[in-house]
Amino acid sequence: EISMVIAITSGYRSLMFETLFMYNFLNGELTGLLADSYEWNDDLSEVKVVLKDAAKWCDGTPVASQDVVRTWEVDAEVMNTAGGSYSAFVDSIEAVNDKEFVIYAALNDDGDPVNPLKVNDFLIEVPIAQAAWIDKLVERCGGDTVKILNDPGEDVVWSGPYTKYFCDDQKVVLIRDDNYWGQDASMWGKLPVPKYICHAIYADNPAGELALKAGAVDVC
């Protein structure tokens, strides 16, 4: 049996689109977000994931295994950030049922997983999209990968606590979704406190640092 030490130094910012798990910097553990639990097999070639029953999309439909499968399929096809980062380490994802799926690690010539740590990283770094919306996106883009990557996604379906409210060349403003599933008693039990989150756009990092020092932004 192989033991694995998780060494992760970052986590996805889950505002509109959520990942399967969150990384806890205090104890190094993965905390469930869209997913409830995960379990590796003995040789770290497969990890079985169980989704939360409470997890919903903004249209009220449940987050399902098919959403995770379809997200990975299109990620790998168009080679966006997720596809480029994990296609060498994730071979495929297969739905067992609506709430359970298995991630199969890519194997080397000896039949061993290429890098199980990167598969573990996948759990906290890859945002999940709705399969039905992905199919709609692919259809209107005629399957063209360039068009898919450049589609503005104004009709996108999200699972997170915020959604787009306003944007221009100076700022992006998100507004809280008061129907967010995370207020379920099995999760946070309440909504996030801020109604709006504003991302100010600066010319470069030094300009953002100056704004932080001046108190113009809360986080830099």
Protein backbone atom coordinates (compact mmCIF):
# COMPACT_ATOMS: atom_id res chain seq x y z
CA GLU A 1 0.00 0.00 0.00
CA ILE A 2 1.27 3.47 -0.88
CA SER A 3 0.84 6.48 1.36
CA MET A 4 0.68 9.95 -0.10
CA VAL A 5 1.58 13.31 1.37
CA ILE A 6 -0.45 16.18 -0.04
CA ALA A 7 1.65 19.23 -0.82
CA ILE A 8 -0.51 22.00 -2.19
CA THR A 9 0.22 25.70 -1.91
CA SER A 10 -2.78 27.26 -3.61
CA GLY A 11 -6.49 26.89 -4.11
CA TYR A 12 -9.11 27.97 -6.62
CA ARG A 13 -11.12 31.10 -5.76
CA SER A 14 -14.65 29.72 -5.76
CA LEU A 15 -16.90 32.69 -6.48
CA MET A 16 -18.98 31.71 -9.51
CA PHE A 17 -17.58 28.28 -10.34
CA GLU A 18 -16.76 25.78 -7.64
CA THR A 19 -14.26 22.98 -7.34
CA LEU A 20 -14.85 19.53 -5.88
CA PHE A 21 -12.83 20.25 -2.74
CA MET A 22 -11.15 23.15 -0.94
CA TYR A 23 -7.61 23.07 0.49
CA ASN A 24 -7.32 23.81 4.21
CA PHE A 25 -4.05 25.66 4.83
CA LEU A 26 -4.33 25.10 8.60
CA ASN A 27 -4.21 21.31 8.55
CA GLY A 28 -3.31 20.34 4.97
CA GLU A 29 -6.59 18.49 4.47
CA LEU A 30 -9.13 18.67 1.64
CA THR A 31 -12.54 19.98 2.71
CA GLY A 32 -15.55 19.05 0.59
CA LEU A 33 -17.21 21.70 -1.55
CA LEU A 34 -19.21 20.21 -4.43
CA ALA A 35 -18.00 16.80 -3.30
CA ASP A 36 -18.45 15.02 0.01
CA SER A 37 -15.63 12.47 0.03
CA TYR A 38 -12.90 10.82 -2.00
CA GLU A 39 -11.11 7.47 -1.74
CA TRP A 40 -7.99 6.23 -3.52
CA ASN A 41 -7.36 2.62 -4.49
CA ASP A 42 -4.19 0.93 -3.21
CA ASP A 43 -1.86 1.80 -6.12
CA LEU A 44 -3.17 5.37 -6.50
CA SER A 45 -4.33 4.76 -10.06
CA GLU A 46 -7.99 5.56 -9.32
CA VAL A 47 -9.82 7.90 -6.99
CA LYS A 48 -13.54 7.55 -6.34
CA VAL A 49 -15.42 10.77 -5.53
CA VAL A 50 -18.89 11.20 -4.03
CA LEU A 51 -20.76 14.46 -4.66
CA LYS A 52 -22.80 16.36 -2.07
CA ASP A 53 -26.56 15.82 -2.23
CA ALA A 54 -27.17 19.51 -1.47
CA ALA A 55 -24.98 20.87 -4.30
CA LYS A 56 -27.11 22.66 -6.91
CA TRP A 57 -26.66 24.80 -9.99
CA CYS A 58 -28.17 28.28 -10.03
CA ASP A 59 -31.08 26.94 -12.09
CA GLY A 60 -31.96 24.58 -9.22
CA THR A 61 -30.79 21.34 -10.86
CA PRO A 62 -28.45 19.07 -8.84
CA VAL A 63 -24.72 18.92 -9.50
CA ALA A 64 -24.15 15.45 -10.96
CA SER A 65 -21.30 13.15 -11.95
CA GLN A 66 -22.11 13.81 -15.60
CA ASP A 67 -21.21 17.48 -15.05
CA VAL A 68 -17.73 16.51 -13.88
CA VAL A 69 -17.26 14.07 -16.77
CA ARG A 70 -18.38 16.62 -19.37
CA THR A 71 -16.27 19.38 -17.81
CA TRP A 72 -13.15 17.26 -18.11
CA GLU A 73 -14.00 16.15 -21.67
CA VAL A 74 -14.25 19.73 -22.92
CA ASP A 75 -11.23 20.86 -20.85
CA ALA A 76 -9.08 18.20 -22.50
CA GLU A 77 -10.54 18.91 -25.95
CA VAL A 78 -10.02 22.68 -26.04
CA MET A 79 -6.88 22.55 -23.85
CA ASN A 80 -7.85 25.45 -21.62
CA THR A 81 -5.97 26.01 -18.36
CA ALA A 82 -7.37 22.85 -16.75
CA GLY A 83 -6.82 20.72 -19.83
CA GLY A 84 -3.27 21.94 -20.28
CA SER A 85 -2.43 21.46 -16.61
CA TYR A 86 -3.88 17.98 -16.06
CA SER A 87 -4.18 16.10 -19.36
CA ALA A 88 -0.78 14.45 -18.78
CA PHE A 89 -1.94 13.13 -15.40
CA VAL A 90 -5.67 12.41 -15.75
CA ASP A 91 -6.57 9.73 -18.27
CA SER A 92 -10.36 9.82 -17.98
CA ILE A 93 -13.32 10.32 -15.64
CA GLU A 94 -16.22 7.87 -15.54
CA ALA A 95 -19.61 8.30 -13.86
CA VAL A 96 -20.67 5.40 -11.62
CA ASN A 97 -24.07 6.99 -10.99
CA ASP A 98 -25.46 10.51 -10.60
CA LYS A 99 -23.48 11.18 -7.42
CA GLU A 100 -20.36 9.00 -7.74
CA PHE A 101 -17.56 9.01 -10.30
CA VAL A 102 -14.03 7.66 -10.71
CA ILE A 103 -10.99 9.61 -11.88
CA TYR A 104 -8.47 7.35 -13.64
CA ALA A 105 -4.86 8.46 -13.48
CA ALA A 106 -2.69 8.45 -16.59
CA LEU A 107 -0.22 5.54 -16.43
CA ASN A 108 3.43 5.36 -17.49
CA ASP A 109 5.03 2.55 -19.51
CA ASP A 110 5.40 0.45 -16.36
CA GLY A 111 1.69 0.72 -15.61
CA ASP A 112 2.17 3.06 -12.66
CA PRO A 113 0.32 6.38 -12.26
CA VAL A 114 2.35 9.23 -13.75
CA ASN A 115 1.78 11.57 -10.79
CA PRO A 116 -1.01 10.91 -8.25
CA LEU A 117 -0.27 14.24 -6.54
CA LYS A 118 -1.39 16.06 -9.69
CA VAL A 119 -4.61 14.06 -9.73
CA ASN A 120 -5.11 15.05 -6.10
CA ASP A 121 -4.41 18.66 -7.13
CA PHE A 122 -7.17 18.31 -9.76
CA LEU A 123 -9.71 17.93 -6.95
CA ILE A 124 -9.13 21.46 -5.62
CA GLU A 125 -8.04 23.35 -8.73
CA VAL A 126 -10.49 22.52 -11.53
CA PRO A 127 -13.83 24.39 -11.53
CA ILE A 128 -16.80 22.28 -12.57
CA ALA A 129 -19.32 23.47 -15.18
CA GLN A 130 -22.80 22.21 -15.97
CA ALA A 131 -22.93 19.50 -18.66
CA ALA A 132 -26.17 20.83 -20.18
CA TRP A 133 -24.66 24.30 -20.57
CA ILE A 134 -21.42 22.88 -22.00
CA ASP A 135 -23.42 20.98 -24.63
CA LYS A 136 -25.25 24.21 -25.53
CA LEU A 137 -21.92 26.05 -25.80
CA VAL A 138 -20.34 23.39 -28.00
CA GLU A 139 -23.41 23.29 -30.27
CA ARG A 140 -23.56 27.03 -30.88
CA CYS A 141 -19.82 27.10 -31.55
CA GLY A 142 -20.07 24.20 -33.99
CA GLY A 143 -17.48 22.30 -31.97
CA ASP A 144 -14.82 24.84 -32.95
CA THR A 145 -12.29 24.93 -30.10
CA VAL A 146 -11.26 28.53 -30.77
CA LYS A 147 -14.87 29.72 -30.72
CA ILE A 148 -15.53 27.73 -27.53
CA LEU A 149 -12.56 29.34 -25.79
CA ASN A 150 -13.62 32.83 -26.87
CA ASP A 151 -17.35 32.53 -26.19
CA PRO A 152 -18.34 35.21 -23.62
CA GLY A 153 -20.68 32.77 -21.86
CA GLU A 154 -23.30 35.38 -21.00
CA ASP A 155 -25.84 32.59 -20.41
CA VAL A 156 -23.55 30.47 -18.24
CA VAL A 157 -24.93 28.41 -15.36
CA TRP A 158 -22.95 28.58 -12.10
CA SER A 159 -22.93 26.86 -8.73
CA GLY A 160 -21.05 29.41 -6.62
CA PRO A 161 -22.23 32.14 -4.22
CA TYR A 162 -21.71 35.05 -6.65
CA THR A 163 -22.45 35.95 -10.25
CA LYS A 164 -21.61 38.74 -12.68
CA TYR A 165 -23.18 42.13 -12.00
CA PHE A 166 -21.08 44.71 -13.88
CA CYS A 167 -17.76 44.98 -15.68
CA ASP A 168 -15.73 47.50 -17.65
CA ASP A 169 -12.02 48.09 -18.23
CA GLN A 170 -11.55 49.31 -14.65
CA LYS A 171 -13.42 46.79 -12.53
CA VAL A 172 -15.43 43.59 -12.38
CA VAL A 173 -18.30 43.51 -9.88
CA LEU A 174 -19.95 40.31 -8.68
CA ILE A 175 -23.26 40.17 -6.82
CA ARG A 176 -24.29 37.56 -4.27
CA ASP A 177 -26.70 34.86 -5.40
CA ASP A 178 -29.20 34.71 -2.55
CA ASN A 179 -30.40 31.30 -3.75
CA TYR A 180 -26.89 29.84 -3.30
CA TRP A 181 -27.05 26.16 -2.30
CA GLY A 182 -24.25 26.61 0.26
CA GLN A 183 -26.70 28.09 2.77
CA ASP A 184 -27.99 24.55 3.26
CA ALA A 185 -27.58 23.30 6.84
CA SER A 186 -25.22 20.58 5.61
CA MET A 187 -22.77 23.21 4.30
CA TRP A 188 -22.21 26.79 5.53
CA GLY A 189 -25.74 27.19 6.87
CA LYS A 190 -25.87 30.81 5.69
CA LEU A 191 -24.98 33.13 2.81
CA PRO A 192 -21.68 35.03 2.50
CA VAL A 193 -21.83 38.43 4.22
CA PRO A 194 -20.74 40.77 1.35
CA LYS A 195 -23.47 41.44 -1.19
CA TYR A 196 -20.95 42.69 -3.75
CA ILE A 197 -17.34 41.80 -4.50
CA CYS A 198 -15.41 44.25 -6.68
CA HIS A 199 -12.21 43.28 -8.47
CA ALA A 200 -10.34 46.48 -9.37
CA ILE A 201 -8.16 46.28 -12.48
CA TYR A 202 -4.74 47.95 -12.28
CA ALA A 203 -2.06 48.50 -14.89
CA ASP A 204 0.47 46.29 -13.10
CA ASN A 205 1.37 44.71 -9.74
CA PRO A 206 3.07 47.81 -8.28
CA ALA A 207 -0.09 49.84 -8.95
CA GLY A 208 -2.17 47.22 -7.14
CA GLU A 209 0.28 47.24 -4.23
CA LEU A 210 0.02 51.02 -3.92
CA ALA A 211 -3.78 50.76 -3.87
CA LEU A 212 -3.58 48.19 -1.07
CA LYS A 213 -1.27 50.38 0.98
CA ALA A 214 -3.61 53.34 0.46
CA GLY A 215 -6.61 51.31 1.65
CA ALA A 216 -8.33 51.40 -1.74
CA VAL A 217 -8.57 47.60 -1.88
CA ASP A 218 -8.98 45.00 0.88
CA VAL A 219 -6.99 42.16 -0.63
CA CYS A 220 -4.04 42.23 -3.03
